Amino acid sequence: MTDIEIAQNATLRPIGELAAETLGLSPDSLVPYGHLKAKVDLDKIAKSEDESPAKLVLVTAISPSPPGEGKTTTTIGLGDGLRALGRNALVCLREPSLGPSFGMKGGATGGGHSQVVPMEDINLHFTGDFHAITAAHNLLSAILDNHMHWGNALNLDPRHITWKRVLDCNDRALRHVVTGLGDGNGVVAESGFDITVASEVMAIFCLSENLADLKRRLARIIVGRNTDGEDVTAGDLKATGAMAALLKDALLPNLVQTIEGSPALIHGGPFANIAHGCNSVIATKAAMRLSDIVVTEAGFGADLGAEKFFDIKCRKAGLSPHLAVVVATVRALKYHGGASQRTLEEEDLGALESGFANLERHLENIGKFKIPAIVVINAFASDSEAETQKVIDLCGRINVRCVLSTHWADGAAGAKELAQTVVDELEAAPESQFEPLYPDTDTPEEKLRKVATEIYRADDISLSKAAQRKLARLKGTEAARFPVCIAKTPYSFSSDPNAVGAATGFTFPIRDIRVSAGAGFIVALAGDIMTMPGLPKKPSSEKIDVDDCGRITGLS
């Protein structure tokens, strides 16, 4: 059966009933979106002072092969496995973007018997959060253009407008556009579109603590500069209130369930290659009030998602994670060992051992944050016993616990050993020793160099002239204390997607710098990374259809 057939044949419970039984939530704490989805009223879930804080577990991964390694599937399987052990665990995930759903990777609700459901709703419109974020972002764009049209009282310099528009769809034709063409249609200007998940509004949405914090952050968004070279913000344009009005309902986290009946919060969804790649702070902190173990994920490999989770989300939100679970697959290890994508289902112990360097480096990097880590092999039918044992043996040589998990095929039963290993690790080291990679007081250039040399293992960084100019403007400003968010390819430690394995001997190129003042971080664009992806030659959209009964097919 396909993922969508498994999901559509699952027996699901009314969300109110499940919320009451698994989380102790009363009906008045939920805002229902039909029978199977609800938003959670945060005012109704305050945790008692005498309750111990929840343990926070991050699921991350090695550098992925193009199809991905099942990190979300593993997160869900681990959550189900922990609850099967009698642990009060809660999964926190990101909302899927329509970009990959209709593009190359497909949806992001897990797979097999480790899925969150209703998967069709979650992968498509869900509760409308992404539409609200898109609308809020584009409202600011419209207010900005309207201000320029009606006299430009703030003296915005048309050459230095930095605020674009967004759309939650892969569309390369919109990367560079001209707006305002035609008589009476405003000021003619070069602009473009980013994908919604790359919007600063998305980052603000995911890092805000509450509605008041959201409004403060929205007001700080920099839209451009005036003719005196001073920053102009959304607050200057008096756009904050209207944007917040579009986002206030979306700010409540979404509650759904897994196929096995475990609760899951899904909220926010920035990509880790072009944004900070984590679900919302609001959802994570809500989960920590509702459970004893919170299992969350960060996008792509640990060089992107985990680093940004630690250095941006945990730093900003005051979170102290206890354990990292690193997902590896036999096929990805062979890919990083030089095997071609056509031969990944064939046994190749040599390529697997060569590719182990990628996993080993990610484990070393996680240790730099003082976080213990374990490895989970996400099983595929094509894996041979010899290959699986080889990974376990290689992990043993570096004293890292490694377990095989068959959650895709077997659900919670297949994740039993993984779940028990996580419990053992949490009980062995109950206090978090977490430390960020760099202090706030480092200069932005020092922060960029530390990430590039200590996490990516570059020899050094190179800054374009534009990046140098923009960094120079930050000296002595509040933004100079911001963490850095590096946008780069997810397929390699370097900026070259073809440099698989554990790349060394390279200089890491940074072509541009953007200040996300509302989100509170500095974005550095590396290599040829795009903030508006394009569709592949044969997009996933070609397989998706709706039958005469309204059942969606082909979505995965």
Protein backbone atom coordinates (compact mmCIF):
# COMPACT_ATOMS: atom_id res chain seq x y z
CA MET A 1 0.00 0.00 0.00
CA THR A 2 1.09 3.57 -0.65
CA ASP A 3 1.49 6.13 2.13
CA ILE A 4 -1.79 7.81 1.24
CA GLU A 5 -3.66 4.47 1.11
CA ILE A 6 -2.31 3.55 4.56
CA ALA A 7 -3.39 6.94 5.88
CA GLN A 8 -6.84 6.82 4.28
CA ASN A 9 -7.49 3.35 5.70
CA ALA A 10 -6.42 4.22 9.24
CA THR A 11 -9.01 4.31 12.01
CA LEU A 12 -8.94 7.83 13.42
CA ARG A 13 -10.49 9.23 16.56
CA PRO A 14 -12.29 12.58 16.94
CA ILE A 15 -9.60 15.08 17.86
CA GLY A 16 -11.42 16.28 20.97
CA GLU A 17 -11.66 12.75 22.33
CA LEU A 18 -8.00 12.06 21.63
CA ALA A 19 -6.92 15.39 23.17
CA ALA A 20 -8.83 14.67 26.37
CA GLU A 21 -7.49 11.13 26.77
CA THR A 22 -3.84 11.65 25.77
CA LEU A 23 -3.18 15.25 26.88
CA GLY A 24 -5.89 16.00 29.41
CA LEU A 25 -7.22 18.90 27.35
CA SER A 26 -10.79 20.03 27.92
CA PRO A 27 -13.11 20.81 24.99
CA ASP A 28 -12.91 24.55 25.65
CA SER A 29 -9.14 24.47 25.12
CA LEU A 30 -9.56 23.43 21.48
CA VAL A 31 -10.59 25.38 18.39
CA PRO A 32 -11.84 22.57 16.09
CA TYR A 33 -11.12 22.52 12.37
CA GLY A 34 -13.48 19.70 11.48
CA HIS A 35 -13.41 16.33 13.26
CA LEU A 36 -9.70 15.52 12.99
CA LYS A 37 -7.82 18.80 13.41
CA ALA A 38 -7.85 21.50 16.06
CA LYS A 39 -5.91 24.49 17.27
CA VAL A 40 -4.94 24.63 20.93
CA ASP A 41 -5.81 27.62 23.12
CA LEU A 42 -2.51 28.24 24.91
CA ASP A 43 -4.17 30.02 27.84
CA LYS A 44 -5.79 26.73 28.87
CA ILE A 45 -2.66 24.58 29.14
CA ALA A 46 -0.44 26.21 31.75
CA LYS A 47 1.70 23.61 33.50
CA SER A 48 1.77 23.44 37.31
CA GLU A 49 4.86 24.89 38.97
CA ASP A 50 5.65 21.63 40.79
CA GLU A 51 5.88 19.59 37.58
CA SER A 52 9.37 18.78 36.30
CA PRO A 53 10.31 20.25 32.90
CA ALA A 54 10.00 18.02 29.87
CA LYS A 55 13.04 16.49 28.19
CA LEU A 56 13.66 17.85 24.69
CA VAL A 57 14.88 15.41 22.01
CA LEU A 58 15.97 16.61 18.57
CA VAL A 59 15.74 14.31 15.55
CA THR A 60 18.25 15.31 12.89
CA ALA A 61 20.09 13.45 10.12
CA ILE A 62 23.17 12.97 8.01
CA SER A 63 23.47 14.99 4.80
CA PRO A 64 20.56 13.63 2.77
CA SER A 65 20.46 11.97 -0.58
CA PRO A 66 18.04 13.82 -2.92
CA PRO A 67 14.89 11.83 -1.89
CA GLY A 68 15.50 12.45 1.85
CA GLU A 69 16.18 9.96 4.63
CA GLY A 70 12.90 9.76 6.55
CA LYS A 71 13.62 12.16 9.38
CA THR A 72 9.95 13.09 9.85
CA THR A 73 8.94 9.43 9.62
CA THR A 74 11.50 8.60 12.30
CA THR A 75 10.33 11.45 14.54
CA ILE A 76 6.77 10.11 14.37
CA GLY A 77 7.87 6.51 14.87
CA LEU A 78 9.92 7.50 17.91
CA GLY A 79 6.96 9.38 19.39
CA ASP A 80 4.71 6.37 18.89
CA GLY A 81 7.38 4.08 20.31
CA LEU A 82 7.80 6.18 23.45
CA ARG A 83 4.05 6.19 24.09
CA ALA A 84 3.96 2.43 23.57
CA LEU A 85 6.51 2.22 26.41
CA GLY A 86 4.09 4.14 28.62
CA ARG A 87 5.95 7.45 28.34
CA ASN A 88 4.07 10.74 28.09
CA ALA A 89 5.66 11.85 24.82
CA LEU A 90 4.53 14.45 22.31
CA VAL A 91 5.78 14.99 18.77
CA CYS A 92 6.37 18.51 17.42
CA LEU A 93 6.70 18.85 13.63
CA ARG A 94 6.83 21.53 10.96
CA GLU A 95 3.93 22.10 8.59
CA PRO A 96 4.62 20.96 5.01
CA SER A 97 5.04 23.47 2.22
CA LEU A 98 3.17 23.09 -1.06
CA GLY A 99 6.52 23.59 -2.82
CA PRO A 100 7.93 20.08 -2.22
CA SER A 101 4.45 18.54 -2.09
CA PHE A 102 4.03 19.37 -5.77
CA GLY A 103 7.75 19.41 -6.55
CA MET A 104 10.37 16.70 -5.99
CA LYS A 105 10.32 15.43 -2.39
CA GLY A 106 6.58 15.13 -1.85
CA GLY A 107 4.79 15.89 1.41
CA ALA A 108 6.17 15.93 4.95
CA THR A 109 3.81 13.91 7.12
CA GLY A 110 5.95 10.81 7.51
CA GLY A 111 5.33 7.54 5.72
CA GLY A 112 4.17 3.97 5.99
CA HIS A 113 2.88 3.23 9.49
CA SER A 114 4.61 6.28 10.98
CA GLN A 115 2.46 9.13 9.68
CA VAL A 116 0.52 12.06 11.02
CA VAL A 117 -3.03 12.23 9.72
CA PRO A 118 -5.14 13.40 7.95
CA MET A 119 -2.10 13.53 5.67
CA GLU A 120 -3.90 15.01 2.65
CA ASP A 121 -5.13 18.00 4.67
CA ILE A 122 -1.80 18.55 6.42
CA ASN A 123 0.16 18.40 3.15
CA LEU A 124 -2.21 20.79 1.38
CA HIS A 125 -4.15 23.64 3.05
CA PHE A 126 -4.22 22.24 6.63
CA THR A 127 -5.64 25.01 8.88
CA GLY A 128 -4.58 27.85 6.59
CA ASP A 129 -1.48 28.95 8.52
CA PHE A 130 0.72 29.24 5.43
CA HIS A 131 -1.97 31.20 3.61
CA ALA A 132 -2.10 33.62 6.55
CA ILE A 133 1.68 34.03 6.51
CA THR A 134 1.67 34.56 2.74
CA ALA A 135 -1.13 37.13 3.04
CA ALA A 136 0.59 39.01 5.88
CA HIS A 137 3.87 39.17 3.96
CA ASN A 138 2.22 40.36 0.74
CA LEU A 139 0.06 42.87 2.62
CA LEU A 140 3.28 44.55 3.75
CA SER A 141 4.47 44.53 0.12
CA ALA A 142 1.24 46.20 -0.98
CA ILE A 143 1.42 48.80 1.82
CA LEU A 144 5.02 49.55 0.86
CA ASP A 145 4.18 50.02 -2.82
CA ASN A 146 1.14 52.09 -1.94
CA HIS A 147 3.25 54.37 0.24
CA MET A 148 5.64 54.94 -2.66
CA HIS A 149 2.69 55.66 -4.99
CA TRP A 150 1.15 58.28 -2.72
CA GLY A 151 4.12 60.57 -2.31
CA ASN A 152 6.70 58.51 -0.37
CA ALA A 153 6.61 60.51 2.86
CA LEU A 154 9.33 58.29 4.37
CA ASN A 155 11.68 59.09 1.46
CA LEU A 156 12.24 55.42 0.64
CA ASP A 157 15.02 54.98 -1.88
CA PRO A 158 13.64 52.89 -4.79
CA ARG A 159 17.15 51.49 -5.36
CA HIS A 160 17.26 50.00 -1.86
CA ILE A 161 13.90 48.31 -1.42
CA THR A 162 14.61 44.85 -0.01
CA TRP A 163 11.10 43.52 0.72
CA LYS A 164 9.80 41.15 -1.98
CA ARG A 165 6.64 39.07 -2.27
CA VAL A 166 6.12 35.38 -1.49
CA LEU A 167 4.16 32.40 -2.76
CA ASP A 168 3.97 28.87 -1.31
CA CYS A 169 4.78 27.20 -4.60
CA ASN A 170 7.95 26.45 -6.55
CA ASP A 171 7.93 28.95 -9.43
CA ARG A 172 11.28 29.93 -10.96
CA ALA A 173 9.60 32.43 -13.31
CA LEU A 174 8.88 34.69 -10.34
CA ARG A 175 12.43 34.91 -9.00
CA HIS A 176 12.98 38.23 -10.74
CA VAL A 177 10.07 40.45 -11.80
CA VAL A 178 9.26 44.08 -12.50
CA THR A 179 6.31 45.61 -10.68
CA GLY A 180 4.31 48.76 -11.36
CA LEU A 181 4.21 48.52 -15.16
CA GLY A 182 1.37 50.41 -16.84
CA ASP A 183 -0.10 53.86 -16.23
CA GLY A 184 -1.37 54.42 -12.71
CA ASN A 185 -0.03 51.14 -11.35
CA GLY A 186 2.51 52.53 -8.94
CA VAL A 187 6.27 52.99 -9.08
CA VAL A 188 8.09 50.77 -11.56
CA ALA A 189 10.63 48.67 -9.67
CA GLU A 190 12.60 45.47 -9.91
CA SER A 191 11.47 42.91 -7.38
CA GLY A 192 10.82 39.17 -7.09
CA PHE A 193 9.19 36.37 -5.16
CA ASP A 194 10.58 34.03 -2.51
CA ILE A 195 8.83 30.87 -1.41
CA THR A 196 6.64 31.45 1.67
CA VAL A 197 8.78 29.25 3.90
CA ALA A 198 11.72 31.63 3.27
CA SER A 199 9.70 34.68 4.35
CA GLU A 200 10.88 36.61 7.37
CA VAL A 201 7.24 36.56 8.46
CA MET A 202 7.50 32.75 8.63
CA ALA A 203 10.64 33.04 10.78
CA ILE A 204 8.96 35.60 13.04
CA PHE A 205 5.89 33.38 13.30
CA CYS A 206 8.08 30.44 14.39
CA LEU A 207 10.25 32.37 16.87
CA SER A 208 7.55 34.48 18.57
CA GLU A 209 6.58 33.63 22.14
CA ASN A 210 3.08 35.13 21.97
CA LEU A 211 0.95 37.68 20.11
CA ALA A 212 2.61 40.69 21.74
CA ASP A 213 6.05 39.36 20.81
CA LEU A 214 4.80 38.72 17.26
CA LYS A 215 3.74 42.36 16.92
CA ARG A 216 7.06 43.65 18.25
CA ARG A 217 8.95 41.50 15.78
CA LEU A 218 6.74 42.42 12.82
CA ALA A 219 7.32 46.11 13.55
CA ARG A 220 11.10 45.60 13.26
CA ILE A 221 11.01 44.13 9.73
CA ILE A 222 13.30 46.18 7.49
CA VAL A 223 11.72 46.86 4.09
CA GLY A 224 14.43 49.09 2.67
CA ARG A 225 16.41 52.29 3.22
CA ASN A 226 15.55 55.95 2.84
CA THR A 227 17.57 58.48 0.88
CA ASP A 228 19.68 59.19 3.99
CA GLY A 229 20.69 55.53 4.19
CA GLU A 230 18.54 54.79 7.26
CA ASP A 231 16.49 51.61 7.63
CA VAL A 232 12.72 51.86 7.10
CA THR A 233 10.58 49.28 8.91
CA ALA A 234 7.09 47.78 8.81
CA GLY A 235 6.41 49.79 11.96
CA ASP A 236 7.30 53.00 10.11
CA LEU A 237 4.71 52.02 7.47
CA LYS A 238 2.09 51.39 10.19
CA ALA A 239 1.60 47.85 8.85
CA THR A 240 2.07 45.92 12.10
CA GLY A 241 -1.52 45.81 13.35
CA ALA A 242 -3.01 44.67 10.05
CA MET A 243 -0.36 41.97 9.62
CA ALA A 244 -0.94 40.71 13.16
CA ALA A 245 -4.69 40.60 12.51
CA LEU A 246 -4.05 38.15 9.67
CA LEU A 247 -1.79 36.00 11.86
CA LYS A 248 -3.49 35.94 15.26
CA ASP A 249 -5.51 32.74 14.71
CA ALA A 250 -2.68 31.00 12.86
CA LEU A 251 -0.45 31.58 15.89
CA LEU A 252 -2.28 28.85 17.83
CA PRO A 253 -0.53 25.46 17.36
CA ASN A 254 -2.28 22.68 15.45
CA LEU A 255 -3.14 19.34 17.05
CA VAL A 256 -3.51 16.16 14.99
CA GLN A 257 -2.78 12.47 15.55
CA THR A 258 -0.55 9.71 14.25
CA ILE A 259 -1.89 6.56 12.62
CA GLU A 260 -1.34 4.81 15.96
CA GLY A 261 -3.33 7.40 17.90
CA SER A 262 -0.55 9.49 19.42
CA PRO A 263 -1.04 13.27 19.64
CA ALA A 264 1.16 15.55 17.52
CA LEU A 265 1.57 19.31 17.30
CA ILE A 266 2.37 20.66 13.82
CA HIS A 267 3.08 24.37 13.52
CA GLY A 268 5.24 26.59 11.33
CA GLY A 269 7.48 25.36 8.57
CA PRO A 270 10.63 27.19 7.45
CA PHE A 271 13.08 25.28 5.21
CA ALA A 272 16.45 24.60 6.86
CA ASN A 273 18.46 25.24 3.70
CA ILE A 274 17.17 28.82 3.23
CA ALA A 275 15.73 29.62 6.68
CA HIS A 276 16.14 28.30 10.24
CA GLY A 277 14.26 25.04 9.65
CA CYS A 278 12.40 24.46 12.93
CA ASN A 279 8.78 24.30 14.06
CA SER A 280 7.39 27.13 16.18
CA VAL A 281 8.65 28.04 19.63
CA ILE A 282 5.02 28.32 20.70
CA ALA A 283 4.30 24.70 19.77
CA THR A 284 7.51 23.39 21.33
CA LYS A 285 6.90 25.18 24.61
CA ALA A 286 3.25 24.11 24.62
CA ALA A 287 4.38 20.51 24.14
CA MET A 288 6.80 20.86 27.05
CA ARG A 289 3.87 21.87 29.26
CA LEU A 290 1.74 18.97 28.05
CA SER A 291 4.22 16.08 28.16
CA ASP A 292 7.36 14.66 29.74
CA ILE A 293 9.33 14.01 26.54
CA VAL A 294 9.09 16.28 23.49
CA VAL A 295 10.39 14.90 20.19
CA THR A 296 11.00 17.54 17.54
CA GLU A 297 12.86 17.72 14.24
CA ALA A 298 15.02 20.17 12.31
CA GLY A 299 15.22 20.16 8.54
CA PHE A 300 17.81 18.49 6.29
CA GLY A 301 21.16 17.38 7.76
CA ALA A 302 22.63 18.34 11.11
CA ASP A 303 24.94 20.89 9.46
CA LEU A 304 21.83 22.94 8.64
CA GLY A 305 18.80 22.03 10.75
CA ALA A 306 20.54 21.01 13.96
CA GLU A 307 23.02 23.91 13.90
CA LYS A 308 20.19 26.41 13.40
CA PHE A 309 18.02 24.65 16.00
CA PHE A 310 20.83 25.01 18.53
CA ASP A 311 22.25 28.41 17.58
CA ILE A 312 19.02 30.21 16.66
CA LYS A 313 15.90 28.58 18.10
CA CYS A 314 17.32 27.30 21.40
CA ARG A 315 19.34 30.49 21.94
CA LYS A 316 16.34 32.75 21.25
CA ALA A 317 13.78 30.67 23.15
CA GLY A 318 15.92 29.65 26.11
CA LEU A 319 15.55 25.94 25.33
CA SER A 320 18.07 23.33 26.52
CA PRO A 321 17.85 20.10 24.48
CA HIS A 322 18.88 16.84 26.13
CA LEU A 323 19.58 14.44 23.26
CA ALA A 324 20.05 14.30 19.49
CA VAL A 325 18.87 11.33 17.43
CA VAL A 326 20.74 11.23 14.11
CA VAL A 327 18.89 9.45 11.30
CA ALA A 328 21.03 7.54 8.83
CA THR A 329 20.09 5.27 5.97
CA VAL A 330 22.19 2.64 4.28
CA ARG A 331 21.39 4.15 0.88
CA ALA A 332 22.52 7.67 1.91
CA LEU A 333 25.77 6.36 3.39
CA LYS A 334 26.48 4.59 0.10
CA TYR A 335 25.56 7.78 -1.79
CA HIS A 336 28.09 9.73 0.28
CA GLY A 337 30.62 6.98 -0.33
CA GLY A 338 30.48 7.52 -4.08
CA ALA A 339 27.76 5.11 -5.20
CA SER A 340 25.51 6.40 -7.99
CA GLN A 341 21.81 6.94 -7.35
CA ARG A 342 21.05 4.10 -9.81
CA THR A 343 22.89 1.53 -7.66
CA LEU A 344 21.83 2.53 -4.13
CA GLU A 345 19.68 -0.58 -3.71
CA GLU A 346 22.62 -2.88 -4.45
CA GLU A 347 24.83 -4.11 -1.61
CA ASP A 348 28.06 -2.10 -1.48
CA LEU A 349 29.96 -2.35 1.81
CA GLY A 350 32.91 -0.39 0.44
CA ALA A 351 30.83 2.64 -0.50
CA LEU A 352 28.98 2.42 2.81
CA GLU A 353 32.21 2.49 4.82
CA SER A 354 33.52 5.41 2.76
CA GLY A 355 30.28 7.32 3.29
CA PHE A 356 30.41 6.78 7.05
CA ALA A 357 32.70 9.83 7.24
CA ASN A 358 29.63 12.00 6.65
CA LEU A 359 27.79 10.52 9.63
CA GLU A 360 30.88 10.66 11.82
CA ARG A 361 31.36 14.36 11.12
CA HIS A 362 27.76 15.17 12.01
CA LEU A 363 28.18 13.31 15.30
CA GLU A 364 31.38 15.24 16.06
CA ASN A 365 29.58 18.52 15.31
CA ILE A 366 26.68 17.75 17.64
CA GLY A 367 29.21 17.11 20.38
CA LYS A 368 30.41 20.70 20.01
CA PHE A 369 27.06 21.79 21.45
CA LYS A 370 27.60 19.48 24.47
CA ILE A 371 24.64 17.34 23.37
CA PRO A 372 24.86 13.50 23.48
CA ALA A 373 23.78 11.71 20.31
CA ILE A 374 22.63 8.29 19.18
CA VAL A 375 22.25 6.94 15.64
CA VAL A 376 19.15 5.30 14.24
CA ILE A 377 19.19 3.38 10.96
CA ASN A 378 15.90 4.04 9.18
CA ALA A 379 15.38 0.64 7.56
CA PHE A 380 14.61 0.17 3.86
CA ALA A 381 13.64 -3.11 2.22
CA SER A 382 16.74 -2.98 0.00
CA ASP A 383 19.17 -2.92 2.97
CA SER A 384 21.15 -6.11 3.42
CA GLU A 385 21.87 -7.57 6.86
CA ALA A 386 25.58 -7.14 6.21
CA GLU A 387 25.13 -3.43 5.45
CA THR A 388 23.03 -2.82 8.54
CA GLN A 389 25.52 -4.62 10.76
CA LYS A 390 28.36 -2.65 9.16
CA VAL A 391 26.79 0.64 10.22
CA ILE A 392 26.28 -0.65 13.77
CA ASP A 393 29.90 -1.85 13.90
CA LEU A 394 31.25 1.47 12.58
CA CYS A 395 29.27 3.40 15.19
CA GLY A 396 30.59 1.02 17.85
CA ARG A 397 34.16 1.90 16.89
CA ILE A 398 33.49 5.55 17.82
CA ASN A 399 31.49 4.61 20.94
CA VAL A 400 28.13 5.81 19.66
CA ARG A 401 24.97 3.75 20.25
CA CYS A 402 23.28 2.72 17.02
CA VAL A 403 19.94 0.95 16.62
CA LEU A 404 17.91 -0.33 13.69
CA SER A 405 14.31 0.89 13.46
CA THR A 406 11.55 -0.52 11.25
CA HIS A 407 8.89 2.05 12.14
CA TRP A 408 7.92 2.65 8.49
CA ALA A 409 6.82 -0.97 8.14
CA ASP A 410 5.87 -1.79 11.74
CA GLY A 411 4.92 1.48 13.44
CA ALA A 412 5.55 1.72 17.20
CA ALA A 413 6.54 -1.96 17.42
CA GLY A 414 9.35 -1.32 14.94
CA ALA A 415 10.59 1.67 16.98
CA LYS A 416 10.62 -0.17 20.33
CA GLU A 417 14.41 -0.48 20.56
CA LEU A 418 14.90 3.12 19.43
CA ALA A 419 12.43 4.39 22.03
CA GLN A 420 14.03 2.36 24.82
CA THR A 421 17.49 3.62 23.83
CA VAL A 422 16.25 7.22 23.99
CA VAL A 423 14.77 6.60 27.45
CA ASP A 424 18.03 5.02 28.63
CA GLU A 425 20.07 7.97 27.37
CA LEU A 426 17.76 10.54 28.97
CA GLU A 427 17.89 8.72 32.31
CA ALA A 428 21.68 8.39 32.14
CA ALA A 429 22.14 12.16 31.63
CA PRO A 430 19.03 13.87 33.03
CA GLU A 431 20.49 17.41 32.96
CA SER A 432 21.18 19.25 29.72
CA GLN A 433 24.72 20.57 29.21
CA PHE A 434 23.77 22.46 26.05
CA GLU A 435 25.97 25.33 24.83
CA PRO A 436 25.65 27.32 21.57
CA LEU A 437 28.60 27.25 19.17
CA TYR A 438 29.41 30.95 19.56
CA PRO A 439 28.53 33.83 21.93
CA ASP A 440 26.35 36.79 20.99
CA THR A 441 29.38 39.05 21.40
CA ASP A 442 31.24 37.57 18.43
CA THR A 443 31.09 39.80 15.35
CA PRO A 444 28.86 38.58 12.49
CA GLU A 445 31.97 37.71 10.46
CA GLU A 446 33.38 35.71 13.38
CA LYS A 447 30.08 33.82 13.71
CA LEU A 448 30.02 33.03 10.00
CA ARG A 449 33.62 31.85 10.12
CA LYS A 450 32.98 29.62 13.15
CA VAL A 451 30.03 27.87 11.52
CA ALA A 452 31.90 27.49 8.23
CA THR A 453 35.13 26.19 9.73
CA GLU A 454 33.85 24.20 12.73
CA ILE A 455 30.62 22.74 11.29
CA TYR A 456 31.19 22.69 7.52
CA ARG A 457 35.00 22.24 7.97
CA ALA A 458 35.91 24.88 5.41
CA ASP A 459 39.43 26.31 5.45
CA ASP A 460 37.96 29.82 5.56
CA ILE A 461 35.13 31.98 4.24
CA SER A 462 35.17 34.38 1.31
CA LEU A 463 32.88 37.41 1.28
CA SER A 464 31.69 39.14 -1.88
CA LYS A 465 32.09 42.91 -1.99
CA ALA A 466 28.34 43.28 -1.45
CA ALA A 467 28.50 41.03 1.63
CA GLN A 468 31.48 42.99 2.99
CA ARG A 469 29.62 46.30 2.59
CA LYS A 470 26.54 44.98 4.35
CA LEU A 471 28.53 43.51 7.22
CA ALA A 472 30.36 46.81 7.64
CA ARG A 473 27.01 48.57 8.09
CA LEU A 474 26.22 46.28 11.03
CA LYS A 475 29.17 47.37 13.19
CA GLY A 476 27.95 48.84 16.46
CA THR A 477 24.29 48.01 15.79
CA GLU A 478 21.94 45.70 17.69
CA ALA A 479 21.97 43.37 14.67
CA ALA A 480 25.68 42.72 15.19
CA ARG A 481 24.69 40.53 18.17
CA PHE A 482 22.26 38.42 16.13
CA PRO A 483 23.00 34.75 15.38
CA VAL A 484 23.68 33.86 11.76
CA CYS A 485 21.44 31.78 9.49
CA ILE A 486 23.42 30.43 6.54
CA ALA A 487 21.48 29.49 3.41
CA LYS A 488 23.28 26.78 1.46
CA THR A 489 22.82 23.47 -0.32
CA PRO A 490 21.59 20.66 1.99
CA TYR A 491 23.40 17.93 0.06
CA SER A 492 26.96 18.75 1.07
CA PHE A 493 28.91 20.29 3.92
CA SER A 494 30.25 22.75 1.34
CA SER A 495 28.35 25.08 -0.97
CA ASP A 496 28.76 22.55 -3.81
CA PRO A 497 25.88 20.02 -3.85
CA ASN A 498 28.09 17.52 -5.67
CA ALA A 499 30.79 17.47 -2.96
CA VAL A 500 29.24 14.53 -1.09
CA GLY A 501 30.79 12.68 1.83
CA ALA A 502 32.84 14.81 4.21
CA ALA A 503 34.20 17.59 2.04
CA THR A 504 37.45 19.31 3.02
CA GLY A 505 39.92 21.76 1.50
CA PHE A 506 37.42 24.38 0.35
CA THR A 507 36.70 28.04 0.95
CA PHE A 508 33.08 28.76 1.81
CA PRO A 509 31.69 31.57 -0.42
CA ILE A 510 29.13 34.05 0.95
CA ARG A 511 27.62 36.17 -1.79
CA ASP A 512 25.07 38.26 0.09
CA ILE A 513 23.90 39.29 3.56
CA ARG A 514 20.32 40.05 4.61
CA VAL A 515 19.28 41.30 8.03
CA SER A 516 16.07 39.77 9.38
CA ALA A 517 15.63 42.28 12.20
CA GLY A 518 12.19 41.00 13.18
CA ALA A 519 13.29 37.37 13.35
CA GLY A 520 16.50 38.44 15.04
CA PHE A 521 19.10 36.83 12.82
CA ILE A 522 21.41 37.59 9.92
CA VAL A 523 20.92 35.57 6.73
CA ALA A 524 24.01 34.73 4.69
CA LEU A 525 23.44 33.41 1.17
CA ALA A 526 26.11 30.94 0.07
CA GLY A 527 26.93 29.66 -3.38
CA ASP A 528 24.01 29.58 -5.81
CA ILE A 529 21.27 28.75 -3.28
CA MET A 530 17.83 29.99 -4.43
CA THR A 531 15.15 31.38 -2.11
CA MET A 532 12.50 30.53 -4.73
CA PRO A 533 12.97 26.92 -5.90
CA GLY A 534 11.89 25.67 -9.30
CA LEU A 535 9.91 22.55 -10.18
CA PRO A 536 11.85 19.49 -11.46
CA LYS A 537 11.39 18.13 -14.99
CA LYS A 538 8.82 15.62 -13.71
CA PRO A 539 7.21 17.20 -10.65
CA SER A 540 5.19 15.26 -8.08
CA SER A 541 2.14 17.25 -9.18
CA GLU A 542 1.87 14.98 -12.25
CA LYS A 543 0.97 12.02 -10.00
CA ILE A 544 -1.67 13.77 -7.87
CA ASP A 545 -5.36 13.47 -8.70
CA VAL A 546 -8.79 13.38 -7.08
CA ASP A 547 -11.22 10.53 -7.80
CA ASP A 548 -14.97 10.98 -8.31
CA CYS A 549 -15.55 10.43 -4.58
CA GLY A 550 -13.19 13.26 -3.67
CA ARG A 551 -10.37 11.00 -2.47
CA ILE A 552 -6.90 12.32 -3.29
CA THR A 553 -4.47 9.93 -4.96
CA GLY A 554 -0.75 10.14 -5.71
CA LEU A 555 0.16 12.41 -2.80
CA SER A 556 3.09 11.16 -0.73
